[in-house]
Amino acid sequence: MTDADALRIKAYLFSLQPVECRGRPIPLSFPFNQRWLMGIGPPFFNSGKRFEPNSERSAEWNRGAYLAERWLIVASPYATEPRVCT
């Protein structure tokens, strides 16, 4: 994804009307219910470099590697749960 693509997506998302959404309570016990702890991971696991595709591998493999390296390492298991929106 290019910077221009990312900026277009951002502009589209910012053009939408906000809705009030309340997340479900997290059914985990302490310390796993402390969401602020998720902020500790990126400095250790995010190198800050752009993804460079491996020219020896297929486009599908590179897409999977991109997703694994850039998105899935910071994903929360509760980020995709349905929310109650009004």
C-alpha atoms as a PDB file:
ATOM      1  CA  MET A   1       0.000   0.000   0.000  1.00  0.00           C
ATOM      2  CA  THR A   2       1.412   3.342  -0.971  1.00  0.00           C
ATOM      3  CA  ASP A   3       1.352   6.480   1.144  1.00  0.00           C
ATOM      4  CA  ALA A   4      -1.177   7.988  -1.272  1.00  0.00           C
ATOM      5  CA  ASP A   5      -3.496   4.979  -0.804  1.00  0.00           C
ATOM      6  CA  ALA A   6      -3.230   5.255   2.971  1.00  0.00           C
ATOM      7  CA  LEU A   7      -4.022   8.983   2.835  1.00  0.00           C
ATOM      8  CA  ARG A   8      -7.077   8.323   0.644  1.00  0.00           C
ATOM      9  CA  ILE A   9      -8.346   5.729   3.102  1.00  0.00           C
ATOM     10  CA  LYS A  10      -7.736   8.134   5.993  1.00  0.00           C
ATOM     11  CA  ALA A  11      -9.592  10.927   4.183  1.00  0.00           C
ATOM     12  CA  TYR A  12     -12.534   8.606   3.527  1.00  0.00           C
ATOM     13  CA  LEU A  13     -12.686   7.413   7.132  1.00  0.00           C
ATOM     14  CA  PHE A  14     -12.483  10.976   8.435  1.00  0.00           C
ATOM     15  CA  SER A  15     -15.387  11.952   6.157  1.00  0.00           C
ATOM     16  CA  LEU A  16     -17.746   9.478   7.860  1.00  0.00           C
ATOM     17  CA  GLN A  17     -20.053  10.569  10.661  1.00  0.00           C
ATOM     18  CA  PRO A  18     -18.909   9.218  14.034  1.00  0.00           C
ATOM     19  CA  VAL A  19     -21.092   6.759  15.916  1.00  0.00           C
ATOM     20  CA  GLU A  20     -21.137   5.935  19.594  1.00  0.00           C
ATOM     21  CA  CYS A  21     -19.939   2.380  20.159  1.00  0.00           C
ATOM     22  CA  ARG A  22     -19.471   0.656  23.441  1.00  0.00           C
ATOM     23  CA  GLY A  23     -17.198  -2.337  23.531  1.00  0.00           C
ATOM     24  CA  ARG A  24     -18.065  -5.472  25.385  1.00  0.00           C
ATOM     25  CA  PRO A  25     -16.430  -6.017  28.746  1.00  0.00           C
ATOM     26  CA  ILE A  26     -13.300  -8.098  28.406  1.00  0.00           C
ATOM     27  CA  PRO A  27     -13.842 -11.479  30.115  1.00  0.00           C
ATOM     28  CA  LEU A  28     -10.208 -11.819  31.178  1.00  0.00           C
ATOM     29  CA  SER A  29      -8.829 -11.612  34.681  1.00  0.00           C
ATOM     30  CA  PHE A  30      -6.027  -9.361  35.890  1.00  0.00           C
ATOM     31  CA  PRO A  31      -3.437  -8.622  34.445  1.00  0.00           C
ATOM     32  CA  PHE A  32      -4.767  -9.676  31.030  1.00  0.00           C
ATOM     33  CA  ASN A  33      -7.721  -7.263  31.208  1.00  0.00           C
ATOM     34  CA  GLN A  34      -5.398  -4.257  31.296  1.00  0.00           C
ATOM     35  CA  ARG A  35      -5.583  -2.901  27.742  1.00  0.00           C
ATOM     36  CA  TRP A  36      -2.943  -0.250  28.349  1.00  0.00           C
ATOM     37  CA  LEU A  37      -0.416  -3.092  28.505  1.00  0.00           C
ATOM     38  CA  MET A  38      -0.883  -3.522  24.744  1.00  0.00           C
ATOM     39  CA  GLY A  39       1.032  -0.266  24.308  1.00  0.00           C
ATOM     40  CA  ILE A  40       4.195  -1.883  25.628  1.00  0.00           C
ATOM     41  CA  GLY A  41       4.555  -4.274  22.667  1.00  0.00           C
ATOM     42  CA  PRO A  42       5.129  -1.997  19.655  1.00  0.00           C
ATOM     43  CA  PRO A  43       8.483  -0.587  20.795  1.00  0.00           C
ATOM     44  CA  PHE A  44       9.794  -4.139  21.134  1.00  0.00           C
ATOM     45  CA  PHE A  45       8.179  -5.808  18.125  1.00  0.00           C
ATOM     46  CA  ASN A  46       7.863  -2.981  15.578  1.00  0.00           C
ATOM     47  CA  SER A  47      11.149  -2.236  13.859  1.00  0.00           C
ATOM     48  CA  GLY A  48       9.832   0.999  12.344  1.00  0.00           C
ATOM     49  CA  LYS A  49      11.015  -0.057   8.872  1.00  0.00           C
ATOM     50  CA  ARG A  50       8.771  -0.340   5.826  1.00  0.00           C
ATOM     51  CA  PHE A  51       7.990  -3.834   4.632  1.00  0.00           C
ATOM     52  CA  GLU A  52      10.267  -4.945   1.803  1.00  0.00           C
ATOM     53  CA  PRO A  53       8.879  -7.784  -0.314  1.00  0.00           C
ATOM     54  CA  ASN A  54      11.068 -10.805  -0.947  1.00  0.00           C
ATOM     55  CA  SER A  55      11.577 -10.963  -4.726  1.00  0.00           C
ATOM     56  CA  GLU A  56      12.304 -14.700  -4.513  1.00  0.00           C
ATOM     57  CA  ARG A  57       8.795 -15.417  -3.179  1.00  0.00           C
ATOM     58  CA  SER A  58       5.343 -15.158  -4.748  1.00  0.00           C
ATOM     59  CA  ALA A  59       3.012 -12.166  -4.375  1.00  0.00           C
ATOM     60  CA  GLU A  60       0.727 -14.260  -2.139  1.00  0.00           C
ATOM     61  CA  TRP A  61       3.614 -15.157   0.150  1.00  0.00           C
ATOM     62  CA  ASN A  62       4.701 -11.526   0.390  1.00  0.00           C
ATOM     63  CA  ARG A  63       1.156 -10.423   1.212  1.00  0.00           C
ATOM     64  CA  GLY A  64       0.981 -12.983   3.995  1.00  0.00           C
ATOM     65  CA  ALA A  65       4.360 -11.895   5.307  1.00  0.00           C
ATOM     66  CA  TYR A  66       3.237  -8.252   5.254  1.00  0.00           C
ATOM     67  CA  LEU A  67       0.100  -9.060   7.215  1.00  0.00           C
ATOM     68  CA  ALA A  68       1.983 -11.172   9.730  1.00  0.00           C
ATOM     69  CA  GLU A  69       4.770  -8.663  10.269  1.00  0.00           C
ATOM     70  CA  ARG A  70       2.779  -5.433  10.273  1.00  0.00           C
ATOM     71  CA  TRP A  71      -0.774  -6.095  11.335  1.00  0.00           C
ATOM     72  CA  LEU A  72      -1.216  -9.317  13.219  1.00  0.00           C
ATOM     73  CA  ILE A  73       1.494  -8.669  15.800  1.00  0.00           C
ATOM     74  CA  VAL A  74      -0.507  -5.806  17.294  1.00  0.00           C
ATOM     75  CA  ALA A  75      -4.029  -7.150  16.792  1.00  0.00           C
ATOM     76  CA  SER A  76      -6.209  -7.691  19.817  1.00  0.00           C
ATOM     77  CA  PRO A  77      -8.426 -10.767  19.940  1.00  0.00           C
ATOM     78  CA  TYR A  78     -11.289  -8.426  20.865  1.00  0.00           C
ATOM     79  CA  ALA A  79     -10.691  -5.906  18.075  1.00  0.00           C
ATOM     80  CA  THR A  80     -12.923  -7.775  15.624  1.00  0.00           C
ATOM     81  CA  GLU A  81     -15.803  -8.538  17.977  1.00  0.00           C
ATOM     82  CA  PRO A  82     -19.133  -6.946  17.092  1.00  0.00           C
ATOM     83  CA  ARG A  83     -19.890  -3.771  18.998  1.00  0.00           C
ATOM     84  CA  VAL A  84     -23.169  -2.305  20.140  1.00  0.00           C
ATOM     85  CA  CYS A  85     -23.528   0.942  18.203  1.00  0.00           C
ATOM     86  CA  THR A  86     -26.257   3.538  18.530  1.00  0.00           C
END
